[in-house]
């Protein structure tokens, strides 16, 4: 069934002889540089997604660390009433969920982007008409990234809306009113 490659026989001829490749399919290695050019856009997108995931992982770690601190070291936050600690823990849990969702969707976008790169190379190397698949996967990758970044924006908004910066015993809003600004 699968014999050895005969002397002088190309890999393509061997694959056709074994039935692994249809005779009308041509493997054209000259198309690989073109596939690399086509894959540059998705590769740059993948780099951007990786950077975003790095930021998200850092935020998620800080959220989890703060929640652990509040749960495991109540004596360290004795200046806060229990209801304040509970409110902060509730806020941290909401932020954790939004950040985790963002990580999930950005990772999905990265995986789809990797599949786009793979499909582009398969199309170039094997000559299969897969542009429609690459286009669909790229659209899916972009959509997943949009959802992930939207979740991230929501988490940032939650973080900003729950923080009170104290200036001279007053929160920032009160300090600005008292100074006339």
C-alpha atoms as a PDB file:
ATOM      1  CA  UNK A   1       0.000   0.000   0.000  1.00  0.00           C
ATOM      2  CA  UNK A   2       2.572   2.586   1.110  1.00  0.00           C
ATOM      3  CA  UNK A   3       5.840   1.857  -0.592  1.00  0.00           C
ATOM      4  CA  UNK A   4       9.137   3.646  -0.318  1.00  0.00           C
ATOM      5  CA  UNK A   5       9.953   6.713  -2.335  1.00  0.00           C
ATOM      6  CA  UNK A   6      11.681   5.628  -5.502  1.00  0.00           C
ATOM      7  CA  UNK A   7      14.914   7.270  -6.544  1.00  0.00           C
ATOM      8  CA  UNK A   8      14.230  10.441  -8.513  1.00  0.00           C
ATOM      9  CA  UNK A   9      10.607  10.540  -7.378  1.00  0.00           C
ATOM     10  CA  UNK A  10       9.459  13.817  -5.823  1.00  0.00           C
ATOM     11  CA  UNK A  11       7.437  13.956  -2.628  1.00  0.00           C
ATOM     12  CA  UNK A  12       4.445  15.165  -4.646  1.00  0.00           C
ATOM     13  CA  UNK A  13       4.729  12.187  -7.025  1.00  0.00           C
ATOM     14  CA  UNK A  14       4.989   9.837  -4.037  1.00  0.00           C
ATOM     15  CA  UNK A  15       1.885  11.346  -2.404  1.00  0.00           C
ATOM     16  CA  UNK A  16      -0.058  11.015  -5.662  1.00  0.00           C
ATOM     17  CA  UNK A  17       1.094   7.402  -6.091  1.00  0.00           C
ATOM     18  CA  UNK A  18      -0.023   6.480  -2.540  1.00  0.00           C
ATOM     19  CA  UNK A  19      -3.387   8.205  -2.945  1.00  0.00           C
ATOM     20  CA  UNK A  20      -2.643  10.773  -0.228  1.00  0.00           C
ATOM     21  CA  UNK A  21      -2.785  13.615  -2.760  1.00  0.00           C
ATOM     22  CA  UNK A  22      -5.114  14.035  -5.685  1.00  0.00           C
ATOM     23  CA  UNK A  23      -3.237  14.327  -9.011  1.00  0.00           C
ATOM     24  CA  UNK A  24      -4.905  17.636  -9.851  1.00  0.00           C
ATOM     25  CA  UNK A  25      -3.657  19.191  -6.614  1.00  0.00           C
ATOM     26  CA  UNK A  26      -0.304  20.829  -7.010  1.00  0.00           C
ATOM     27  CA  UNK A  27       2.040  21.718  -4.207  1.00  0.00           C
ATOM     28  CA  UNK A  28       3.668  24.936  -5.271  1.00  0.00           C
ATOM     29  CA  UNK A  29       6.360  26.039  -2.858  1.00  0.00           C
ATOM     30  CA  UNK A  30       6.690  29.314  -4.745  1.00  0.00           C
ATOM     31  CA  UNK A  31       3.369  30.340  -3.188  1.00  0.00           C
ATOM     32  CA  UNK A  32       4.762  30.061   0.371  1.00  0.00           C
ATOM     33  CA  UNK A  33       6.393  33.541   0.356  1.00  0.00           C
ATOM     34  CA  UNK A  34       3.045  34.965  -0.753  1.00  0.00           C
ATOM     35  CA  UNK A  35       1.363  33.099   2.122  1.00  0.00           C
ATOM     36  CA  UNK A  36       3.881  34.631   4.524  1.00  0.00           C
ATOM     37  CA  UNK A  37       2.969  38.081   3.211  1.00  0.00           C
ATOM     38  CA  UNK A  38      -0.732  37.328   3.676  1.00  0.00           C
ATOM     39  CA  UNK A  39      -0.111  36.021   7.190  1.00  0.00           C
ATOM     40  CA  UNK A  40       1.703  39.181   8.347  1.00  0.00           C
ATOM     41  CA  UNK A  41      -1.558  40.972   9.221  1.00  0.00           C
ATOM     42  CA  UNK A  42      -2.826  38.131  11.422  1.00  0.00           C
ATOM     43  CA  UNK A  43       0.637  37.773  12.981  1.00  0.00           C
ATOM     44  CA  UNK A  44       0.658  41.454  13.976  1.00  0.00           C
ATOM     45  CA  UNK A  45      -2.858  41.026  15.359  1.00  0.00           C
ATOM     46  CA  UNK A  46      -1.649  38.023  17.335  1.00  0.00           C
ATOM     47  CA  UNK A  47       1.148  40.145  18.826  1.00  0.00           C
ATOM     48  CA  UNK A  48      -1.353  42.803  19.870  1.00  0.00           C
ATOM     49  CA  UNK A  49      -3.651  40.197  21.423  1.00  0.00           C
ATOM     50  CA  UNK A  50      -0.711  38.713  23.343  1.00  0.00           C
ATOM     51  CA  UNK A  51       0.121  42.156  24.749  1.00  0.00           C
ATOM     52  CA  UNK A  52      -3.513  42.670  25.728  1.00  0.00           C
ATOM     53  CA  UNK A  53      -3.601  39.264  27.427  1.00  0.00           C
ATOM     54  CA  UNK A  54      -0.488  40.230  29.379  1.00  0.00           C
ATOM     55  CA  UNK A  55      -2.227  43.373  30.672  1.00  0.00           C
ATOM     56  CA  UNK A  56      -5.388  41.418  31.494  1.00  0.00           C
ATOM     57  CA  UNK A  57      -3.450  38.735  33.370  1.00  0.00           C
ATOM     58  CA  UNK A  58      -1.770  41.437  35.452  1.00  0.00           C
ATOM     59  CA  UNK A  59      -5.108  43.062  36.302  1.00  0.00           C
ATOM     60  CA  UNK A  60      -6.672  39.718  37.150  1.00  0.00           C
ATOM     61  CA  UNK A  61      -3.743  38.862  39.441  1.00  0.00           C
ATOM     62  CA  UNK A  62      -4.093  42.187  41.279  1.00  0.00           C
ATOM     63  CA  UNK A  63      -7.850  41.698  41.706  1.00  0.00           C
ATOM     64  CA  UNK A  64      -7.343  38.201  43.113  1.00  0.00           C
ATOM     65  CA  UNK A  65      -4.487  39.323  45.383  1.00  0.00           C
ATOM     66  CA  UNK A  66      -6.606  42.153  46.830  1.00  0.00           C
ATOM     67  CA  UNK A  67      -9.565  39.806  47.449  1.00  0.00           C
ATOM     68  CA  UNK A  68      -7.285  37.294  49.189  1.00  0.00           C
ATOM     69  CA  UNK A  69      -5.788  40.062  51.298  1.00  0.00           C
ATOM     70  CA  UNK A  70      -9.229  41.244  52.410  1.00  0.00           C
ATOM     71  CA  UNK A  71     -10.370  37.677  53.159  1.00  0.00           C
ATOM     72  CA  UNK A  72      -7.241  36.323  54.823  1.00  0.00           C
ATOM     73  CA  UNK A  73      -5.956  39.327  56.772  1.00  0.00           C
ATOM     74  CA  UNK A  74      -8.936  41.046  58.410  1.00  0.00           C
ATOM     75  CA  UNK A  75      -6.715  42.560  61.130  1.00  0.00           C
ATOM     76  CA  UNK A  76      -4.778  44.483  58.467  1.00  0.00           C
ATOM     77  CA  UNK A  77      -7.932  46.271  57.343  1.00  0.00           C
ATOM     78  CA  UNK A  78      -9.366  46.831  60.816  1.00  0.00           C
ATOM     79  CA  UNK A  79      -9.941  50.510  60.005  1.00  0.00           C
ATOM     80  CA  UNK A  80     -12.701  49.432  57.590  1.00  0.00           C
ATOM     81  CA  UNK A  81     -16.163  48.402  58.698  1.00  0.00           C
ATOM     82  CA  UNK A  82     -17.279  44.902  57.692  1.00  0.00           C
ATOM     83  CA  UNK A  83     -19.863  46.335  55.284  1.00  0.00           C
ATOM     84  CA  UNK A  84     -17.087  48.291  53.521  1.00  0.00           C
ATOM     85  CA  UNK A  85     -14.990  45.143  53.195  1.00  0.00           C
ATOM     86  CA  UNK A  86     -18.001  43.224  51.877  1.00  0.00           C
ATOM     87  CA  UNK A  87     -18.763  45.990  49.355  1.00  0.00           C
ATOM     88  CA  UNK A  88     -15.167  45.963  48.127  1.00  0.00           C
ATOM     89  CA  UNK A  89     -15.180  42.160  47.866  1.00  0.00           C
ATOM     90  CA  UNK A  90     -18.407  42.329  45.846  1.00  0.00           C
ATOM     91  CA  UNK A  91     -16.837  44.908  43.533  1.00  0.00           C
ATOM     92  CA  UNK A  92     -13.708  42.774  43.177  1.00  0.00           C
ATOM     93  CA  UNK A  93     -15.834  39.749  42.273  1.00  0.00           C
ATOM     94  CA  UNK A  94     -17.642  41.728  39.548  1.00  0.00           C
ATOM     95  CA  UNK A  95     -14.317  42.956  38.196  1.00  0.00           C
ATOM     96  CA  UNK A  96     -12.887  39.413  38.283  1.00  0.00           C
ATOM     97  CA  UNK A  97     -15.803  38.118  36.226  1.00  0.00           C
ATOM     98  CA  UNK A  98     -15.462  40.865  33.602  1.00  0.00           C
ATOM     99  CA  UNK A  99     -11.682  40.414  33.420  1.00  0.00           C
ATOM    100  CA  UNK A 100     -11.993  36.618  33.158  1.00  0.00           C
ATOM    101  CA  UNK A 101     -14.525  37.043  30.356  1.00  0.00           C
ATOM    102  CA  UNK A 102     -12.171  39.425  28.603  1.00  0.00           C
ATOM    103  CA  UNK A 103      -9.315  36.916  28.875  1.00  0.00           C
ATOM    104  CA  UNK A 104     -11.575  34.184  27.499  1.00  0.00           C
ATOM    105  CA  UNK A 105     -12.695  36.172  24.448  1.00  0.00           C
ATOM    106  CA  UNK A 106      -9.235  37.593  23.702  1.00  0.00           C
ATOM    107  CA  UNK A 107      -7.788  34.062  23.918  1.00  0.00           C
ATOM    108  CA  UNK A 108     -10.500  32.814  21.566  1.00  0.00           C
ATOM    109  CA  UNK A 109      -9.573  35.633  19.187  1.00  0.00           C
ATOM    110  CA  UNK A 110      -5.909  34.603  19.370  1.00  0.00           C
ATOM    111  CA  UNK A 111      -6.743  30.948  18.691  1.00  0.00           C
ATOM    112  CA  UNK A 112      -8.876  31.867  15.681  1.00  0.00           C
ATOM    113  CA  UNK A 113      -6.091  34.145  14.458  1.00  0.00           C
ATOM    114  CA  UNK A 114      -3.613  31.235  14.690  1.00  0.00           C
ATOM    115  CA  UNK A 115      -6.036  29.124  12.674  1.00  0.00           C
ATOM    116  CA  UNK A 116      -6.183  31.888  10.027  1.00  0.00           C
ATOM    117  CA  UNK A 117      -2.398  31.722   9.695  1.00  0.00           C
ATOM    118  CA  UNK A 118      -2.520  27.929   9.411  1.00  0.00           C
ATOM    119  CA  UNK A 119      -5.290  28.029   6.780  1.00  0.00           C
ATOM    120  CA  UNK A 120      -3.371  30.615   4.723  1.00  0.00           C
ATOM    121  CA  UNK A 121      -0.329  28.349   4.664  1.00  0.00           C
ATOM    122  CA  UNK A 122      -2.395  25.274   3.821  1.00  0.00           C
ATOM    123  CA  UNK A 123      -4.014  27.161   0.972  1.00  0.00           C
ATOM    124  CA  UNK A 124      -0.652  28.260  -0.386  1.00  0.00           C
ATOM    125  CA  UNK A 125       1.089  24.914   0.042  1.00  0.00           C
ATOM    126  CA  UNK A 126      -1.703  22.608  -1.100  1.00  0.00           C
ATOM    127  CA  UNK A 127      -3.632  24.875  -3.405  1.00  0.00           C
ATOM    128  CA  UNK A 128      -6.966  24.286  -1.685  1.00  0.00           C
ATOM    129  CA  UNK A 129      -9.456  27.166  -2.078  1.00  0.00           C
ATOM    130  CA  UNK A 130      -9.705  28.180   1.590  1.00  0.00           C
ATOM    131  CA  UNK A 131      -9.976  31.971   1.382  1.00  0.00           C
ATOM    132  CA  UNK A 132     -13.591  31.783   2.548  1.00  0.00           C
ATOM    133  CA  UNK A 133     -12.518  29.834   5.653  1.00  0.00           C
ATOM    134  CA  UNK A 134      -9.648  32.208   6.417  1.00  0.00           C
ATOM    135  CA  UNK A 135     -11.991  35.177   5.999  1.00  0.00           C
ATOM    136  CA  UNK A 136     -14.605  33.676   8.294  1.00  0.00           C
ATOM    137  CA  UNK A 137     -12.033  32.832  10.938  1.00  0.00           C
ATOM    138  CA  UNK A 138     -10.515  36.314  10.727  1.00  0.00           C
ATOM    139  CA  UNK A 139     -13.969  37.866  11.144  1.00  0.00           C
ATOM    140  CA  UNK A 140     -14.573  35.564  14.135  1.00  0.00           C
ATOM    141  CA  UNK A 141     -11.199  36.505  15.601  1.00  0.00           C
ATOM    142  CA  UNK A 142     -11.958  40.196  15.237  1.00  0.00           C
ATOM    143  CA  UNK A 143     -15.423  39.784  16.753  1.00  0.00           C
ATOM    144  CA  UNK A 144     -14.008  37.846  19.728  1.00  0.00           C
ATOM    145  CA  UNK A 145     -11.421  40.585  20.218  1.00  0.00           C
ATOM    146  CA  UNK A 146     -14.104  43.292  20.121  1.00  0.00           C
ATOM    147  CA  UNK A 147     -16.120  41.438  22.781  1.00  0.00           C
ATOM    148  CA  UNK A 148     -12.991  40.872  24.902  1.00  0.00           C
ATOM    149  CA  UNK A 149     -11.996  44.526  24.719  1.00  0.00           C
ATOM    150  CA  UNK A 150     -15.574  45.564  25.548  1.00  0.00           C
ATOM    151  CA  UNK A 151     -15.430  43.394  28.669  1.00  0.00           C
ATOM    152  CA  UNK A 152     -12.081  44.989  29.528  1.00  0.00           C
ATOM    153  CA  UNK A 153     -13.563  48.469  29.106  1.00  0.00           C
ATOM    154  CA  UNK A 154     -16.400  47.516  31.484  1.00  0.00           C
ATOM    155  CA  UNK A 155     -13.908  46.235  34.073  1.00  0.00           C
ATOM    156  CA  UNK A 156     -11.871  49.452  33.838  1.00  0.00           C
ATOM    157  CA  UNK A 157     -15.059  51.488  34.293  1.00  0.00           C
ATOM    158  CA  UNK A 158     -15.991  49.404  37.364  1.00  0.00           C
ATOM    159  CA  UNK A 159     -12.520  49.883  38.825  1.00  0.00           C
ATOM    160  CA  UNK A 160     -12.667  53.627  38.259  1.00  0.00           C
ATOM    161  CA  UNK A 161     -16.158  54.028  39.668  1.00  0.00           C
ATOM    162  CA  UNK A 162     -15.421  52.208  42.931  1.00  0.00           C
ATOM    163  CA  UNK A 163     -12.226  54.007  43.905  1.00  0.00           C
ATOM    164  CA  UNK A 164     -12.193  57.059  46.166  1.00  0.00           C
ATOM    165  CA  UNK A 165      -8.956  59.016  46.263  1.00  0.00           C
ATOM    166  CA  UNK A 166      -8.524  60.851  49.562  1.00  0.00           C
ATOM    167  CA  UNK A 167      -6.824  64.258  49.547  1.00  0.00           C
ATOM    168  CA  UNK A 168      -6.178  65.815  52.962  1.00  0.00           C
ATOM    169  CA  UNK A 169      -8.960  63.874  54.680  1.00  0.00           C
ATOM    170  CA  UNK A 170     -11.477  64.564  51.904  1.00  0.00           C
ATOM    171  CA  UNK A 171     -12.246  62.496  48.859  1.00  0.00           C
ATOM    172  CA  UNK A 172     -11.116  64.049  45.551  1.00  0.00           C
ATOM    173  CA  UNK A 173     -14.619  65.322  44.704  1.00  0.00           C
ATOM    174  CA  UNK A 174     -14.989  67.157  48.010  1.00  0.00           C
ATOM    175  CA  UNK A 175     -11.439  68.542  47.792  1.00  0.00           C
ATOM    176  CA  UNK A 176     -12.107  69.962  44.316  1.00  0.00           C
ATOM    177  CA  UNK A 177     -15.333  71.677  45.504  1.00  0.00           C
ATOM    178  CA  UNK A 178     -13.656  73.216  48.545  1.00  0.00           C
ATOM    179  CA  UNK A 179     -10.782  74.604  46.432  1.00  0.00           C
ATOM    180  CA  UNK A 180     -13.177  76.176  43.925  1.00  0.00           C
ATOM    181  CA  UNK A 181     -12.219  73.928  40.975  1.00  0.00           C
END
